[in-house]
PDB file of N, CA and C in Angstrom:
ATOM      1  N   MET A   1     113.185  92.428  84.928  1.00  0.00           N
ATOM      2  CA  MET A   1     112.496  92.482  86.144  1.00  0.00           C
ATOM      3  C   MET A   1     111.416  91.869  85.680  1.00  0.00           C
ATOM      4  N   GLU A   2     110.975  90.950  86.468  1.00  0.00           N
ATOM      5  CA  GLU A   2     109.328  90.545  85.996  1.00  0.00           C
ATOM      6  C   GLU A   2     108.835  91.081  87.497  1.00  0.00           C
ATOM      7  N   LEU A   3     107.580  91.905  87.308  1.00  0.00           N
ATOM      8  CA  LEU A   3     107.024  92.082  88.717  1.00  0.00           C
ATOM      9  C   LEU A   3     105.296  91.557  88.918  1.00  0.00           C
ATOM     10  N   GLN A   4     104.855  91.219  89.462  1.00  0.00           N
ATOM     11  CA  GLN A   4     103.865  90.716  90.104  1.00  0.00           C
ATOM     12  C   GLN A   4     103.161  91.202  91.712  1.00  0.00           C
ATOM     13  N   MET A   5     101.778  90.768  92.040  1.00  0.00           N
ATOM     14  CA  MET A   5     101.515  91.419  93.519  1.00  0.00           C
ATOM     15  C   MET A   5     101.075  90.552  93.847  1.00  0.00           C
ATOM     16  N   LYS A   6     100.785  90.629  95.423  1.00  0.00           N
ATOM     17  CA  LYS A   6      99.914  89.941  95.927  1.00  0.00           C
ATOM     18  C   LYS A   6     100.205  90.299  97.473  1.00  0.00           C
ATOM     19  N   ARG A   7      99.132  90.314  97.665  1.00  0.00           N
ATOM     20  CA  ARG A   7      98.315  90.386  99.646  1.00  0.00           C
ATOM     21  C   ARG A   7      99.636  90.074 100.635  1.00  0.00           C
ATOM     22  N   ILE A   8      99.957  90.680 101.168  1.00  0.00           N
ATOM     23  CA  ILE A   8     100.637  90.374 102.503  1.00  0.00           C
ATOM     24  C   ILE A   8      99.918  89.550 103.137  1.00  0.00           C
ATOM     25  N   TYR A   9      98.965  89.026 103.118  1.00  0.00           N
ATOM     26  CA  TYR A   9      98.590  88.155 104.044  1.00  0.00           C
ATOM     27  C   TYR A   9      98.509  86.748 103.447  1.00  0.00           C
ATOM     28  N   ASP A  10      98.613  86.751 102.039  1.00  0.00           N
ATOM     29  CA  ASP A  10      99.185  85.278 101.353  1.00  0.00           C
ATOM     30  C   ASP A  10     100.303  84.859 101.776  1.00  0.00           C
ATOM     31  N   GLU A  11     100.642  83.345 101.760  1.00  0.00           N
ATOM     32  CA  GLU A  11     101.611  82.744 102.001  1.00  0.00           C
ATOM     33  C   GLU A  11     102.975  83.012 101.183  1.00  0.00           C
ATOM     34  N   VAL A  12     103.847  82.868 102.098  1.00  0.00           N
ATOM     35  CA  VAL A  12     105.175  83.504 101.682  1.00  0.00           C
ATOM     36  C   VAL A  12     105.679  82.124 100.924  1.00  0.00           C
ATOM     37  N   SER A  13     106.011  82.924  99.374  1.00  0.00           N
ATOM     38  CA  SER A  13     107.019  81.823  98.690  1.00  0.00           C
ATOM     39  C   SER A  13     108.336  81.795  97.954  1.00  0.00           C
ATOM     40  N   LYS A  14     109.220  80.781  97.633  1.00  0.00           N
ATOM     41  CA  LYS A  14     110.301  81.380  97.545  1.00  0.00           C
ATOM     42  C   LYS A  14     109.986  82.175  95.819  1.00  0.00           C
ATOM     43  N   ASP A  15     109.274  81.558  95.137  1.00  0.00           N
ATOM     44  CA  ASP A  15     108.807  82.295  93.587  1.00  0.00           C
ATOM     45  C   ASP A  15     108.366  83.704  93.828  1.00  0.00           C
ATOM     46  N   ASP A  16     108.443  84.601  95.135  1.00  0.00           N
ATOM     47  CA  ASP A  16     108.122  86.017  95.249  1.00  0.00           C
ATOM     48  C   ASP A  16     109.310  86.749  94.910  1.00  0.00           C
ATOM     49  N   GLY A  17     110.317  86.326  94.988  1.00  0.00           N
ATOM     50  CA  GLY A  17     111.583  87.012  94.446  1.00  0.00           C
ATOM     51  C   GLY A  17     111.558  88.248  95.786  1.00  0.00           C
ATOM     52  N   THR A  18     112.011  89.661  95.298  1.00  0.00           N
ATOM     53  CA  THR A  18     112.138  90.432  96.384  1.00  0.00           C
ATOM     54  C   THR A  18     110.675  90.819  96.763  1.00  0.00           C
ATOM     55  N   ARG A  19     110.319  90.885  98.187  1.00  0.00           N
ATOM     56  CA  ARG A  19     109.104  91.542  98.305  1.00  0.00           C
ATOM     57  C   ARG A  19     109.196  92.344  98.674  1.00  0.00           C
ATOM     58  N   VAL A  20     108.469  93.720  98.374  1.00  0.00           N
ATOM     59  CA  VAL A  20     108.461  95.044  98.557  1.00  0.00           C
ATOM     60  C   VAL A  20     106.645  95.507  98.924  1.00  0.00           C
ATOM     61  N   LEU A  21     106.480  95.892 100.033  1.00  0.00           N
ATOM     62  CA  LEU A  21     105.446  96.119 100.679  1.00  0.00           C
ATOM     63  C   LEU A  21     105.053  97.917 100.272  1.00  0.00           C
ATOM     64  N   VAL A  22     104.034  97.655  99.035  1.00  0.00           N
ATOM     65  CA  VAL A  22     103.772  99.352  98.927  1.00  0.00           C
ATOM     66  C   VAL A  22     102.998 100.402  99.395  1.00  0.00           C
ATOM     67  N   ASP A  23     102.535 100.116 100.815  1.00  0.00           N
ATOM     68  CA  ASP A  23     101.479 100.154 102.020  1.00  0.00           C
ATOM     69  C   ASP A  23     101.982 101.792 102.776  1.00  0.00           C
ATOM     70  N   ARG A  24     101.248 102.511 102.739  1.00  0.00           N
ATOM     71  CA  ARG A  24     102.087 103.338 103.554  1.00  0.00           C
ATOM     72  C   ARG A  24     101.795 102.953 104.820  1.00  0.00           C
ATOM     73  N   LEU A  25     100.788 102.497 105.324  1.00  0.00           N
ATOM     74  CA  LEU A  25     100.747 101.866 106.899  1.00  0.00           C
ATOM     75  C   LEU A  25     101.259 100.608 106.933  1.00  0.00           C
ATOM     76  N   TRP A  26     101.984  99.866 107.616  1.00  0.00           N
ATOM     77  CA  TRP A  26     101.955  98.096 108.347  1.00  0.00           C
ATOM     78  C   TRP A  26     100.786  97.824 108.344  1.00  0.00           C
ATOM     79  N   PRO A  27     100.357  96.701 107.756  1.00  0.00           N
ATOM     80  CA  PRO A  27      98.936  96.139 107.734  1.00  0.00           C
ATOM     81  C   PRO A  27      99.121  95.107 109.297  1.00  0.00           C
ATOM     82  N   ARG A  28      97.713  95.313 109.452  1.00  0.00           N
ATOM     83  CA  ARG A  28      97.163  94.784 110.718  1.00  0.00           C
ATOM     84  C   ARG A  28      97.768  93.355 110.392  1.00  0.00           C
ATOM     85  N   GLY A  29      97.530  93.149 111.990  1.00  0.00           N
ATOM     86  CA  GLY A  29      97.631  91.341 112.048  1.00  0.00           C
ATOM     87  C   GLY A  29      98.668  90.759 111.474  1.00  0.00           C
ATOM     88  N   VAL A  30     100.196  91.468 110.848  1.00  0.00           N
ATOM     89  CA  VAL A  30     100.975  90.703 110.371  1.00  0.00           C
ATOM     90  C   VAL A  30     102.193  91.261 111.189  1.00  0.00           C
ATOM     91  N   LYS A  31     103.097  90.655 111.415  1.00  0.00           N
ATOM     92  CA  LYS A  31     104.169  90.406 112.848  1.00  0.00           C
ATOM     93  C   LYS A  31     105.705  90.525 110.996  1.00  0.00           C
ATOM     94  N   LYS A  32     105.831  91.621 111.728  1.00  0.00           N
ATOM     95  CA  LYS A  32     107.458  92.252 110.670  1.00  0.00           C
ATOM     96  C   LYS A  32     108.104  91.242 110.769  1.00  0.00           C
ATOM     97  N   ASP A  33     108.375  89.962 111.695  1.00  0.00           N
ATOM     98  CA  ASP A  33     109.193  88.937 111.670  1.00  0.00           C
ATOM     99  C   ASP A  33     108.657  87.924 110.415  1.00  0.00           C
ATOM    100  N   ASP A  34     107.185  87.643 110.476  1.00  0.00           N
ATOM    101  CA  ASP A  34     106.992  87.040 109.344  1.00  0.00           C
ATOM    102  C   ASP A  34     106.829  87.168 108.433  1.00  0.00           C
ATOM    103  N   ALA A  35     106.461  88.710 108.078  1.00  0.00           N
ATOM    104  CA  ALA A  35     105.845  89.311 106.575  1.00  0.00           C
ATOM    105  C   ALA A  35     107.078  88.944 105.233  1.00  0.00           C
ATOM    106  N   ALA A  36     108.374  89.012 105.778  1.00  0.00           N
ATOM    107  CA  ALA A  36     109.371  88.663 104.961  1.00  0.00           C
ATOM    108  C   ALA A  36     109.506  89.528 103.709  1.00  0.00           C
ATOM    109  N   VAL A  37     109.139  91.094 104.503  1.00  0.00           N
ATOM    110  CA  VAL A  37     109.359  91.915 103.740  1.00  0.00           C
ATOM    111  C   VAL A  37     111.061  92.697 103.653  1.00  0.00           C
ATOM    112  N   ASP A  38     111.075  92.383 102.098  1.00  0.00           N
ATOM    113  CA  ASP A  38     112.612  92.508 101.763  1.00  0.00           C
ATOM    114  C   ASP A  38     112.592  94.526 101.628  1.00  0.00           C
ATOM    115  N   LEU A  39     111.770  95.253 101.152  1.00  0.00           N
ATOM    116  CA  LEU A  39     111.801  96.635 101.069  1.00  0.00           C
ATOM    117  C   LEU A  39     110.074  97.138 101.052  1.00  0.00           C
ATOM    118  N   TRP A  40     110.192  98.093 102.540  1.00  0.00           N
ATOM    119  CA  TRP A  40     108.746  99.105 102.648  1.00  0.00           C
ATOM    120  C   TRP A  40     109.040 100.058 102.000  1.00  0.00           C
ATOM    121  N   ALA A  41     108.364 100.386 100.919  1.00  0.00           N
ATOM    122  CA  ALA A  41     108.399 101.559 100.234  1.00  0.00           C
ATOM    123  C   ALA A  41     107.007 102.126 100.351  1.00  0.00           C
ATOM    124  N   LYS A  42     106.878 102.515 102.040  1.00  0.00           N
ATOM    125  CA  LYS A  42     105.585 103.448 102.020  1.00  0.00           C
ATOM    126  C   LYS A  42     105.704 104.535 100.968  1.00  0.00           C
ATOM    127  N   ASP A  43     106.620 105.292 100.764  1.00  0.00           N
ATOM    128  CA  ASP A  43     106.366 106.766 100.023  1.00  0.00           C
ATOM    129  C   ASP A  43     105.845 106.337  98.862  1.00  0.00           C
ATOM    130  N   LEU A  44     105.817 105.350  98.153  1.00  0.00           N
ATOM    131  CA  LEU A  44     104.943 104.919  97.257  1.00  0.00           C
ATOM    132  C   LEU A  44     103.886 105.376  96.815  1.00  0.00           C
ATOM    133  N   ALA A  45     103.279 105.150  97.985  1.00  0.00           N
ATOM    134  CA  ALA A  45     102.003 104.784  98.191  1.00  0.00           C
ATOM    135  C   ALA A  45     100.980 105.904  98.085  1.00  0.00           C
ATOM    136  N   PRO A  46      99.815 106.142  97.844  1.00  0.00           N
ATOM    137  CA  PRO A  46      99.313 107.334  97.389  1.00  0.00           C
ATOM    138  C   PRO A  46      98.839 108.407  98.606  1.00  0.00           C
ATOM    139  N   SER A  47      99.141 109.156  98.295  1.00  0.00           N
ATOM    140  CA  SER A  47      98.940 110.275  99.627  1.00  0.00           C
ATOM    141  C   SER A  47      97.366 109.991 100.761  1.00  0.00           C
ATOM    142  N   PRO A  48      97.833 110.418 101.643  1.00  0.00           N
ATOM    143  CA  PRO A  48      96.959 110.094 102.620  1.00  0.00           C
ATOM    144  C   PRO A  48      95.342 111.012 101.618  1.00  0.00           C
ATOM    145  N   GLU A  49      95.435 111.678 100.767  1.00  0.00           N
ATOM    146  CA  GLU A  49      94.032 112.682 100.818  1.00  0.00           C
ATOM    147  C   GLU A  49      93.488 112.008  99.724  1.00  0.00           C
ATOM    148  N   ALA A  50      94.567 111.291  98.425  1.00  0.00           N
ATOM    149  CA  ALA A  50      94.060 110.643  97.537  1.00  0.00           C
ATOM    150  C   ALA A  50      93.472 109.064  98.154  1.00  0.00           C
ATOM    151  N   ARG A  51      93.897 108.128  99.451  1.00  0.00           N
ATOM    152  CA  ARG A  51      93.379 107.416  99.833  1.00  0.00           C
ATOM    153  C   ARG A  51      92.020 107.369 100.354  1.00  0.00           C
ATOM    154  N   LYS A  52      91.965 108.967 101.408  1.00  0.00           N
ATOM    155  CA  LYS A  52      90.836 109.157 101.910  1.00  0.00           C
ATOM    156  C   LYS A  52      89.497 109.109 100.325  1.00  0.00           C
ATOM    157  N   PHE A  53      90.004 109.728  99.354  1.00  0.00           N
ATOM    158  CA  PHE A  53      89.087 110.068  97.848  1.00  0.00           C
ATOM    159  C   PHE A  53      88.417 108.669  97.969  1.00  0.00           C
ATOM    160  N   PHE A  54      89.238 107.690  97.658  1.00  0.00           N
ATOM    161  CA  PHE A  54      89.095 106.445  97.129  1.00  0.00           C
ATOM    162  C   PHE A  54      88.319 105.780  98.224  1.00  0.00           C
ATOM    163  N   ASN A  55      88.594 105.657  99.126  1.00  0.00           N
ATOM    164  CA  ASN A  55      88.045 104.778 100.396  1.00  0.00           C
ATOM    165  C   ASN A  55      87.789 103.409 100.248  1.00  0.00           C
ATOM    166  N   HIS A  56      87.977 102.880  98.950  1.00  0.00           N
ATOM    167  CA  HIS A  56      88.055 101.128  98.151  1.00  0.00           C
ATOM    168  C   HIS A  56      86.960 101.301  97.930  1.00  0.00           C
ATOM    169  N   ASP A  57      86.644 102.357  97.233  1.00  0.00           N
ATOM    170  CA  ASP A  57      85.053 102.821  96.663  1.00  0.00           C
ATOM    171  C   ASP A  57      85.725 102.050  95.157  1.00  0.00           C
ATOM    172  N   PRO A  58      84.898 101.500  94.453  1.00  0.00           N
ATOM    173  CA  PRO A  58      85.404 100.866  93.628  1.00  0.00           C
ATOM    174  C   PRO A  58      84.576 101.791  92.046  1.00  0.00           C
ATOM    175  N   ALA A  59      83.697 102.302  92.475  1.00  0.00           N
ATOM    176  CA  ALA A  59      83.267 103.288  91.623  1.00  0.00           C
ATOM    177  C   ALA A  59      84.070 104.464  91.224  1.00  0.00           C
ATOM    178  N   LYS A  60      84.874 104.726  92.304  1.00  0.00           N
ATOM    179  CA  LYS A  60      86.214 106.187  92.422  1.00  0.00           C
ATOM    180  C   LYS A  60      87.200 105.240  91.998  1.00  0.00           C
ATOM    181  N   PHE A  61      87.255 104.129  91.529  1.00  0.00           N
ATOM    182  CA  PHE A  61      88.702 103.663  91.303  1.00  0.00           C
ATOM    183  C   PHE A  61      89.670 104.349  89.703  1.00  0.00           C
ATOM    184  N   GLU A  62      88.912 104.470  88.601  1.00  0.00           N
ATOM    185  CA  GLU A  62      89.450 105.031  87.561  1.00  0.00           C
ATOM    186  C   GLU A  62      89.683 106.780  88.106  1.00  0.00           C
ATOM    187  N   GLU A  63      89.242 107.178  88.795  1.00  0.00           N
ATOM    188  CA  GLU A  63      89.519 109.208  89.165  1.00  0.00           C
ATOM    189  C   GLU A  63      90.917 108.764  90.084  1.00  0.00           C
ATOM    190  N   PHE A  64      90.541 107.842  90.692  1.00  0.00           N
ATOM    191  CA  PHE A  64      91.791 107.588  91.718  1.00  0.00           C
ATOM    192  C   PHE A  64      92.811 107.657  91.171  1.00  0.00           C
ATOM    193  N   ARG A  65      92.578 106.164  90.149  1.00  0.00           N
ATOM    194  CA  ARG A  65      94.160 105.909  89.182  1.00  0.00           C
ATOM    195  C   ARG A  65      94.284 107.078  88.616  1.00  0.00           C
ATOM    196  N   GLY A  66      93.982 108.093  88.423  1.00  0.00           N
ATOM    197  CA  GLY A  66      93.968 109.173  87.706  1.00  0.00           C
ATOM    198  C   GLY A  66      94.862 110.067  88.567  1.00  0.00           C
ATOM    199  N   ARG A  67      94.615 110.195  89.917  1.00  0.00           N
ATOM    200  CA  ARG A  67      95.097 111.157  90.609  1.00  0.00           C
ATOM    201  C   ARG A  67      96.596 110.695  91.450  1.00  0.00           C
ATOM    202  N   TYR A  68      96.276 108.930  91.717  1.00  0.00           N
ATOM    203  CA  TYR A  68      97.642 108.425  91.952  1.00  0.00           C
ATOM    204  C   TYR A  68      98.678 108.491  90.916  1.00  0.00           C
ATOM    205  N   GLU A  69      98.396 108.469  89.689  1.00  0.00           N
ATOM    206  CA  GLU A  69      99.171 108.028  88.222  1.00  0.00           C
ATOM    207  C   GLU A  69     100.085 109.907  88.581  1.00  0.00           C
ATOM    208  N   GLN A  70      99.258 110.748  88.607  1.00  0.00           N
ATOM    209  CA  GLN A  70      99.894 112.346  88.578  1.00  0.00           C
ATOM    210  C   GLN A  70     100.921 111.816  89.984  1.00  0.00           C
ATOM    211  N   GLU A  71     100.788 112.067  91.007  1.00  0.00           N
ATOM    212  CA  GLU A  71     101.219 111.929  92.033  1.00  0.00           C
ATOM    213  C   GLU A  71     102.449 110.992  91.881  1.00  0.00           C
ATOM    214  N   LEU A  72     102.221 109.817  91.208  1.00  0.00           N
ATOM    215  CA  LEU A  72     103.370 108.855  91.046  1.00  0.00           C
ATOM    216  C   LEU A  72     104.357 109.783  89.512  1.00  0.00           C
ATOM    217  N   ASP A  73     103.737 110.836  88.849  1.00  0.00           N
ATOM    218  CA  ASP A  73     104.503 111.445  87.975  1.00  0.00           C
ATOM    219  C   ASP A  73     105.649 113.079  88.449  1.00  0.00           C
ATOM    220  N   GLU A  74     104.910 113.115  89.806  1.00  0.00           N
ATOM    221  CA  GLU A  74     105.186 114.345  90.508  1.00  0.00           C
ATOM    222  C   GLU A  74     106.480 113.829  91.557  1.00  0.00           C
ATOM    223  N   ARG A  75     106.549 112.380  91.724  1.00  0.00           N
ATOM    224  CA  ARG A  75     107.596 112.153  92.462  1.00  0.00           C
ATOM    225  C   ARG A  75     109.014 110.921  92.100  1.00  0.00           C
ATOM    226  N   SER A  76     110.083 111.137  92.649  1.00  0.00           N
ATOM    227  CA  SER A  76     110.773 109.938  92.313  1.00  0.00           C
ATOM    228  C   SER A  76     111.218 109.207  92.870  1.00  0.00           C
ATOM    229  N   GLU A  77     110.535 108.607  94.124  1.00  0.00           N
ATOM    230  CA  GLU A  77     110.261 107.684  94.506  1.00  0.00           C
ATOM    231  C   GLU A  77     109.879 105.958  93.545  1.00  0.00           C
ATOM    232  N   ALA A  78     109.071 106.159  92.399  1.00  0.00           N
ATOM    233  CA  ALA A  78     109.483 105.228  91.327  1.00  0.00           C
ATOM    234  C   ALA A  78     110.455 104.443  90.983  1.00  0.00           C
ATOM    235  N   GLN A  79     110.857 105.790  90.122  1.00  0.00           N
ATOM    236  CA  GLN A  79     112.413 105.629  89.523  1.00  0.00           C
ATOM    237  C   GLN A  79     113.436 105.257  90.674  1.00  0.00           C
ATOM    238  N   GLU A  80     113.127 105.909  92.120  1.00  0.00           N
ATOM    239  CA  GLU A  80     114.369 105.024  92.982  1.00  0.00           C
ATOM    240  C   GLU A  80     114.106 103.765  92.920  1.00  0.00           C
ATOM    241  N   LEU A  81     112.699 103.365  93.405  1.00  0.00           N
ATOM    242  CA  LEU A  81     112.649 101.904  93.531  1.00  0.00           C
ATOM    243  C   LEU A  81     113.365 101.284  92.210  1.00  0.00           C
ATOM    244  N   ILE A  82     113.006 101.295  91.373  1.00  0.00           N
ATOM    245  CA  ILE A  82     113.464 101.090  89.837  1.00  0.00           C
ATOM    246  C   ILE A  82     114.966 100.580  89.760  1.00  0.00           C
ATOM    247  N   ASP A  83     115.436 101.756  90.576  1.00  0.00           N
ATOM    248  CA  ASP A  83     117.225 101.783  90.209  1.00  0.00           C
ATOM    249  C   ASP A  83     117.645 100.877  91.189  1.00  0.00           C
ATOM    250  N   GLN A  84     116.633 100.832  92.547  1.00  0.00           N
ATOM    251  CA  GLN A  84     117.456 100.015  93.685  1.00  0.00           C
ATOM    252  C   GLN A  84     117.162  98.928  93.361  1.00  0.00           C
ATOM    253  N   LEU A  85     116.168  98.151  92.772  1.00  0.00           N
ATOM    254  CA  LEU A  85     115.792  96.530  92.285  1.00  0.00           C
ATOM    255  C   LEU A  85     116.493  96.348  90.706  1.00  0.00           C
ATOM    256  N   LYS A  86     117.463  97.179  90.222  1.00  0.00           N
ATOM    257  CA  LYS A  86     118.011  96.866  89.404  1.00  0.00           C
ATOM    258  C   LYS A  86     119.270  95.442  89.171  1.00  0.00           C
ATOM    259  N   GLY A  87     118.792  94.180  88.329  1.00  0.00           N
ATOM    260  CA  GLY A  87     119.385  92.807  88.439  1.00  0.00           C
ATOM    261  C   GLY A  87     118.525  92.195  89.387  1.00  0.00           C
ATOM    262  N   GLU A  88     117.560  92.369  89.839  1.00  0.00           N
ATOM    263  CA  GLU A  88     116.641  91.435  90.707  1.00  0.00           C
ATOM    264  C   GLU A  88     115.846  90.824  88.875  1.00  0.00           C
ATOM    265  N   LYS A  89     115.978  89.689  89.372  1.00  0.00           N
ATOM    266  CA  LYS A  89     114.798  88.924  88.761  1.00  0.00           C
ATOM    267  C   LYS A  89     112.947  88.585  88.800  1.00  0.00           C
ATOM    268  N   LYS A  90     113.331  89.045  89.992  1.00  0.00           N
ATOM    269  CA  LYS A  90     111.778  88.867  90.039  1.00  0.00           C
ATOM    270  C   LYS A  90     111.366  89.870  91.312  1.00  0.00           C
ATOM    271  N   VAL A  91     110.338  90.545  91.266  1.00  0.00           N
ATOM    272  CA  VAL A  91     110.023  91.718  92.479  1.00  0.00           C
ATOM    273  C   VAL A  91     108.213  91.340  92.936  1.00  0.00           C
ATOM    274  N   THR A  92     108.027  91.343  94.053  1.00  0.00           N
ATOM    275  CA  THR A  92     106.280  91.305  94.326  1.00  0.00           C
ATOM    276  C   THR A  92     106.406  92.192  94.974  1.00  0.00           C
ATOM    277  N   LEU A  93     104.817  92.989  94.694  1.00  0.00           N
ATOM    278  CA  LEU A  93     104.974  94.315  94.897  1.00  0.00           C
ATOM    279  C   LEU A  93     103.378  93.613  96.073  1.00  0.00           C
ATOM    280  N   LEU A  94     103.574  94.048  97.311  1.00  0.00           N
ATOM    281  CA  LEU A  94     102.739  93.445  98.313  1.00  0.00           C
ATOM    282  C   LEU A  94     101.721  94.523  98.934  1.00  0.00           C
ATOM    283  N   TYR A  95     100.517  93.786  99.263  1.00  0.00           N
ATOM    284  CA  TYR A  95      99.428  95.225  99.392  1.00  0.00           C
ATOM    285  C   TYR A  95      98.528  94.685 100.568  1.00  0.00           C
ATOM    286  N   ALA A  96      98.022  95.377 101.379  1.00  0.00           N
ATOM    287  CA  ALA A  96      96.642  94.843 102.460  1.00  0.00           C
ATOM    288  C   ALA A  96      95.474  94.698 102.150  1.00  0.00           C
ATOM    289  N   ALA A  97      95.321  95.688 100.873  1.00  0.00           N
ATOM    290  CA  ALA A  97      93.615  95.566 100.700  1.00  0.00           C
ATOM    291  C   ALA A  97      92.851  94.267  99.757  1.00  0.00           C
ATOM    292  N   LYS A  98      91.927  94.141 100.683  1.00  0.00           N
ATOM    293  CA  LYS A  98      91.000  93.366 100.127  1.00  0.00           C
ATOM    294  C   LYS A  98      90.535  93.260  98.721  1.00  0.00           C
ATOM    295  N   ASP A  99      90.339  93.850  97.900  1.00  0.00           N
ATOM    296  CA  ASP A  99      89.984  93.651  96.642  1.00  0.00           C
ATOM    297  C   ASP A  99      91.207  93.651  95.915  1.00  0.00           C
ATOM    298  N   LYS A 100      91.492  92.531  95.645  1.00  0.00           N
ATOM    299  CA  LYS A 100      92.078  92.289  94.573  1.00  0.00           C
ATOM    300  C   LYS A 100      92.676  92.964  93.143  1.00  0.00           C
ATOM    301  N   GLU A 101      91.402  93.470  92.809  1.00  0.00           N
ATOM    302  CA  GLU A 101      91.503  94.564  91.511  1.00  0.00           C
ATOM    303  C   GLU A 101      91.097  96.146  91.656  1.00  0.00           C
ATOM    304  N   ASN A 102      91.013  96.601  92.599  1.00  0.00           N
ATOM    305  CA  ASN A 102      90.740  97.986  92.812  1.00  0.00           C
ATOM    306  C   ASN A 102      91.481  98.489  93.672  1.00  0.00           C
ATOM    307  N   ASN A 103      92.936  98.746  93.716  1.00  0.00           N
ATOM    308  CA  ASN A 103      93.229  99.081  94.613  1.00  0.00           C
ATOM    309  C   ASN A 103      94.747  99.795  94.214  1.00  0.00           C
ATOM    310  N   HIS A 104      95.777 100.058  94.830  1.00  0.00           N
ATOM    311  CA  HIS A 104      96.474 101.261  94.209  1.00  0.00           C
ATOM    312  C   HIS A 104      97.786 100.018  93.855  1.00  0.00           C
ATOM    313  N   ALA A 105      98.134  99.018  94.606  1.00  0.00           N
ATOM    314  CA  ALA A 105      99.087  97.937  93.528  1.00  0.00           C
ATOM    315  C   ALA A 105      98.991  98.059  92.217  1.00  0.00           C
ATOM    316  N   VAL A 106      97.408  97.480  92.297  1.00  0.00           N
ATOM    317  CA  VAL A 106      97.210  97.365  90.892  1.00  0.00           C
ATOM    318  C   VAL A 106      98.170  98.472  90.032  1.00  0.00           C
ATOM    319  N   ILE A 107      97.522  99.572  90.405  1.00  0.00           N
ATOM    320  CA  ILE A 107      98.105 100.978  89.138  1.00  0.00           C
ATOM    321  C   ILE A 107      99.448 101.117  89.387  1.00  0.00           C
ATOM    322  N   LEU A 108     100.236 100.766  90.406  1.00  0.00           N
ATOM    323  CA  LEU A 108     101.519 101.336  90.984  1.00  0.00           C
ATOM    324  C   LEU A 108     102.419 100.013  89.988  1.00  0.00           C
ATOM    325  N   LEU A 109     101.892  98.453  89.803  1.00  0.00           N
ATOM    326  CA  LEU A 109     102.293  97.564  88.991  1.00  0.00           C
ATOM    327  C   LEU A 109     102.630  97.971  87.438  1.00  0.00           C
ATOM    328  N   GLU A 110     101.399  98.380  87.330  1.00  0.00           N
ATOM    329  CA  GLU A 110     101.146  98.957  85.759  1.00  0.00           C
ATOM    330  C   GLU A 110     102.391 100.193  85.288  1.00  0.00           C
ATOM    331  N   TYR A 111     102.138 101.008  86.591  1.00  0.00           N
ATOM    332  CA  TYR A 111     102.938 102.609  86.314  1.00  0.00           C
ATOM    333  C   TYR A 111     104.263 101.604  85.895  1.00  0.00           C
ATOM    334  N   LEU A 112     104.674 100.784  86.667  1.00  0.00           N
ATOM    335  CA  LEU A 112     106.157 100.726  86.956  1.00  0.00           C
ATOM    336  C   LEU A 112     106.521  99.472  85.860  1.00  0.00           C
ATOM    337  N   GLN A 113     105.771  98.959  85.521  1.00  0.00           N
ATOM    338  CA  GLN A 113     105.519  97.944  84.312  1.00  0.00           C
ATOM    339  C   GLN A 113     106.226  99.433  82.616  1.00  0.00           C
ATOM    340  N   LYS A 114     105.073  99.922  82.565  1.00  0.00           N
ATOM    341  CA  LYS A 114     105.376 100.487  81.610  1.00  0.00           C
ATOM    342  C   LYS A 114     106.601 101.497  81.758  1.00  0.00           C
ATOM    343  N   HIS A 115     106.768 102.096  82.422  1.00  0.00           N
ATOM    344  CA  HIS A 115     107.741 103.261  83.013  1.00  0.00           C
ATOM    345  C   HIS A 115     109.316 102.314  83.021  1.00  0.00           C
ATOM    346  N   ILE A 116     109.249 100.852  83.106  1.00  0.00           N
ATOM    347  CA  ILE A 116     110.837  99.977  83.211  1.00  0.00           C
ATOM    348  C   ILE A 116     110.692  99.480  81.231  1.00  0.00           C
ATOM    349  N   ALA A 117     109.630  99.717  80.962  1.00  0.00           N
ATOM    350  CA  ALA A 117     109.762  99.114  79.611  1.00  0.00           C
ATOM    351  C   ALA A 117     109.863 100.744  78.812  1.00  0.00           C
ATOM    352  N   GLY A 118     109.492 101.413  79.181  1.00  0.00           N
ATOM    353  CA  GLY A 118     109.949 102.772  78.403  1.00  0.00           C
ATOM    354  C   GLY A 118     111.473 103.543  78.659  1.00  0.00           C
ATOM    355  N   ALA A 119     112.053 103.337  80.135  1.00  0.00           N
ATOM    356  CA  ALA A 119     113.142 103.524  80.530  1.00  0.00           C
ATOM    357  C   ALA A 119     113.462 104.605  80.882  1.00  0.00           C
ATOM    358  N   SER A 120     112.141 105.477  80.753  1.00  0.00           N
ATOM    359  CA  SER A 120     112.256 106.532  81.092  1.00  0.00           C
ATOM    360  C   SER A 120     110.742 107.321  81.764  1.00  0.00           C
ATOM    361  N   PHE A 121     111.356 108.034  82.189  1.00  0.00           N
ATOM    362  CA  PHE A 121     109.713 108.731  83.114  1.00  0.00           C
ATOM    363  C   PHE A 121     109.451 110.187  82.847  1.00  0.00           C
ATOM    364  N   ALA A 122     108.665 110.183  82.565  1.00  0.00           N
ATOM    365  CA  ALA A 122     107.739 111.887  82.275  1.00  0.00           C
ATOM    366  C   ALA A 122     108.323 112.698  83.100  1.00  0.00           C
ATOM    367  N   LYS A 123     108.210 113.847  82.743  1.00  0.00           N
ATOM    368  CA  LYS A 123     108.558 115.182  83.413  1.00  0.00           C
ATOM    369  C   LYS A 123     107.420 115.253  84.561  1.00  0.00           C
ATOM    370  N   PRO A 124     107.603 115.858  85.793  1.00  0.00           N
ATOM    371  CA  PRO A 124     106.259 115.885  86.473  1.00  0.00           C
ATOM    372  C   PRO A 124     105.468 116.950  85.533  1.00  0.00           C
ATOM    373  N   ARG A 125     104.031 117.081  85.656  1.00  0.00           N
ATOM    374  CA  ARG A 125     102.938 117.751  84.885  1.00  0.00           C
ATOM    375  C   ARG A 125     103.010 118.876  86.101  1.00  0.00           C
ATOM    376  N   SER A 126     102.873 119.932  85.155  1.00  0.00           N
ATOM    377  CA  SER A 126     102.195 121.190  86.491  1.00  0.00           C
ATOM    378  C   SER A 126     100.862 121.298  86.476  1.00  0.00           C
ATOM    379  N   LEU A 127     100.272 121.823  87.486  1.00  0.00           N
ATOM    380  CA  LEU A 127      98.872 121.529  87.526  1.00  0.00           C
ATOM    381  C   LEU A 127      98.311 123.151  87.355  1.00  0.00           C
TER     382      LEU A 127
END
């Protein structure tokens, strides 16, 4: 499975493959009929607490990465998404953030790539 990401505001392309929205909230100004979203994986988005902590501040990105990766390790939604998308050749993670380098989709993409390659998920860590 080839994973990629792009803003939901970018033009829909046949090269997108299966389009998965990974934001908890539906993006402003995007009509559901026009979004061409195949799956809305809102449960894969960071918790409201992590999102509020980060608040799109690049200086907090690495700490946010650690918090979000820990959340992903403690939940089953990432493995469920991989299981659901088995057999898909290309999957595009869609996000609404303006910053293309410092957002949760970047972290999620890397996390999924690592776990698809490793073929197993870490057991939840205790706090």
